[in-house]
Amino acid sequence: MTQPLAAFLAQPPTDDRLVVVALCASWCGTCREFAATFADLAATHADMAFVWADVEDDADLLGDLDVENFPTLALYRAGTPLHFGVSLPQPPVVARLIEAVAKYGAPGNVDFAEEVRELGARLTG
């Protein structure tokens, strides 16, 4: 099940499950189509949290996070960023990304922007 960002932030998980955030916009046709893919992935990965964030409606909750294209995916574990970037909105591509990050984490040399780290801190309460 996917959750809107505000609902997720009201009750963040207390464990270290992988949190997958889709950063999209309601006016974006690609995002509207991607919503079904994202929901399907959430249904098949019940051990992870899937969060839908609208970059305009949730701007206050996202802070100064810069999203250049859609869909952008941000993946976190215990508030630590593991991935932040644009993804092709194709189910197999997104599934492989999520599974790889869940299994291997982030490469050791990734330096995430401060705004990406700040969102991670908000996701943990």
Protein backbone atom coordinates (compact mmCIF):
# COMPACT_ATOMS: atom_id res chain seq x y z
CA MET A 1 0.00 0.00 0.00
CA THR A 2 1.27 3.48 -0.82
CA GLN A 3 0.88 6.32 1.63
CA PRO A 4 0.73 10.05 1.03
CA LEU A 5 3.74 11.82 2.49
CA ALA A 6 1.79 13.67 5.20
CA ALA A 7 0.20 10.44 6.47
CA PHE A 8 3.57 8.68 6.49
CA LEU A 9 5.25 11.49 8.42
CA ALA A 10 2.47 11.37 11.01
CA GLN A 11 3.38 7.74 11.80
CA PRO A 12 6.83 6.84 10.47
CA PRO A 13 8.00 3.25 10.90
CA THR A 14 9.95 2.40 14.03
CA ASP A 15 12.00 -0.30 12.30
CA ASP A 16 14.66 -0.10 9.60
CA ARG A 17 12.47 -1.06 6.66
CA LEU A 18 13.33 0.36 3.26
CA VAL A 19 11.33 3.52 2.52
CA VAL A 20 10.69 4.20 -1.16
CA VAL A 21 9.53 7.74 -1.92
CA ALA A 22 8.11 8.68 -5.32
CA LEU A 23 8.50 12.39 -5.96
CA CYS A 24 5.96 13.41 -8.56
CA ALA A 25 3.51 16.14 -9.53
CA SER A 26 -0.25 15.88 -10.02
CA TRP A 27 -0.06 17.80 -13.32
CA CYS A 28 2.46 15.33 -14.78
CA GLY A 29 0.93 12.69 -17.06
CA THR A 30 3.89 10.37 -16.58
CA CYS A 31 3.43 10.58 -12.81
CA ARG A 32 -0.28 9.82 -13.05
CA GLU A 33 0.54 6.71 -15.09
CA PHE A 34 3.39 5.78 -12.73
CA ALA A 35 1.06 5.84 -9.71
CA ALA A 36 -0.40 2.45 -10.70
CA THR A 37 3.08 0.94 -11.14
CA PHE A 38 4.13 2.32 -7.76
CA ALA A 39 1.02 0.87 -6.09
CA ASP A 40 1.66 -2.53 -7.69
CA LEU A 41 5.26 -2.51 -6.42
CA ALA A 42 4.04 -1.59 -2.95
CA ALA A 43 1.64 -4.54 -3.01
CA THR A 44 4.45 -6.96 -3.84
CA HIS A 45 6.91 -5.54 -1.28
CA ALA A 46 4.91 -5.49 1.95
CA ASP A 47 8.16 -5.39 3.94
CA MET A 48 8.91 -1.90 2.58
CA ALA A 49 7.15 1.45 2.94
CA PHE A 50 6.03 3.19 -0.26
CA VAL A 51 5.38 6.92 0.02
CA TRP A 52 3.87 9.20 -2.62
CA ALA A 53 4.99 12.84 -2.45
CA ASP A 54 3.61 15.57 -4.70
CA VAL A 55 6.40 18.12 -5.09
CA GLU A 56 3.93 21.00 -5.15
CA ASP A 57 1.25 19.90 -2.67
CA ASP A 58 3.89 18.58 -0.23
CA ALA A 59 6.46 21.35 -0.78
CA ASP A 60 6.41 22.38 2.90
CA LEU A 61 7.08 18.79 3.97
CA LEU A 62 9.81 18.23 1.38
CA GLY A 63 11.79 21.34 2.25
CA ASP A 64 14.25 22.63 -0.33
CA LEU A 65 14.51 19.31 -2.16
CA ASP A 66 15.25 19.90 -5.85
CA VAL A 67 13.44 17.59 -8.26
CA GLU A 68 14.38 18.14 -11.89
CA ASN A 69 12.39 15.40 -13.62
CA PHE A 70 9.68 12.83 -12.93
CA PRO A 71 9.41 10.33 -11.50
CA THR A 72 12.27 10.84 -9.08
CA LEU A 73 12.77 8.09 -6.52
CA ALA A 74 14.37 8.48 -3.11
CA LEU A 75 15.17 5.36 -1.09
CA TYR A 76 16.06 5.42 2.59
CA ARG A 77 16.79 2.99 5.40
CA ALA A 78 16.52 4.32 8.97
CA GLY A 79 16.64 7.85 7.56
CA THR A 80 19.87 7.25 5.66
CA PRO A 81 19.66 8.02 1.92
CA LEU A 82 20.56 5.09 -0.31
CA HIS A 83 19.36 6.40 -3.70
CA PHE A 84 18.05 9.67 -5.13
CA GLY A 85 17.42 10.10 -8.82
CA VAL A 86 15.13 10.03 -11.82
CA SER A 87 13.88 6.63 -12.89
CA LEU A 88 12.27 5.29 -16.01
CA PRO A 89 8.64 4.69 -15.02
CA GLN A 90 8.73 1.08 -16.21
CA PRO A 91 7.83 -1.63 -13.67
CA PRO A 92 10.84 -3.92 -14.29
CA VAL A 93 13.30 -1.01 -14.10
CA VAL A 94 11.89 0.32 -10.84
CA ALA A 95 11.59 -3.18 -9.36
CA ARG A 96 15.25 -3.93 -10.13
CA LEU A 97 16.34 -0.63 -8.59
CA ILE A 98 14.38 -1.24 -5.40
CA GLU A 99 15.57 -4.83 -5.08
CA ALA A 100 19.22 -3.87 -5.69
CA VAL A 101 19.12 -1.08 -3.11
CA ALA A 102 17.34 -3.35 -0.61
CA LYS A 103 20.02 -6.00 -1.06
CA TYR A 104 23.19 -3.95 -1.49
CA GLY A 105 22.44 -0.47 -0.13
CA ALA A 106 24.14 2.58 -1.58
CA PRO A 107 27.61 2.61 -3.08
CA GLY A 108 30.07 3.82 -0.46
CA ASN A 109 31.14 6.93 -2.35
CA VAL A 110 27.75 8.61 -2.84
CA ASP A 111 27.51 12.12 -1.42
CA PHE A 112 23.84 13.04 -1.20
CA ALA A 113 22.75 16.67 -1.12
CA GLU A 114 21.92 18.09 2.28
CA GLU A 115 18.23 18.39 1.27
CA VAL A 116 18.12 14.65 0.51
CA ARG A 117 19.63 13.87 3.94
CA GLU A 118 17.18 16.28 5.62
CA LEU A 119 14.20 14.46 4.07
CA GLY A 120 15.60 11.21 5.43
CA ALA A 121 15.70 12.71 8.92
CA ARG A 122 12.05 13.80 8.59
CA LEU A 123 11.05 10.30 7.45
CA THR A 124 12.24 8.80 10.73
CA GLY A 125 10.23 11.14 12.95
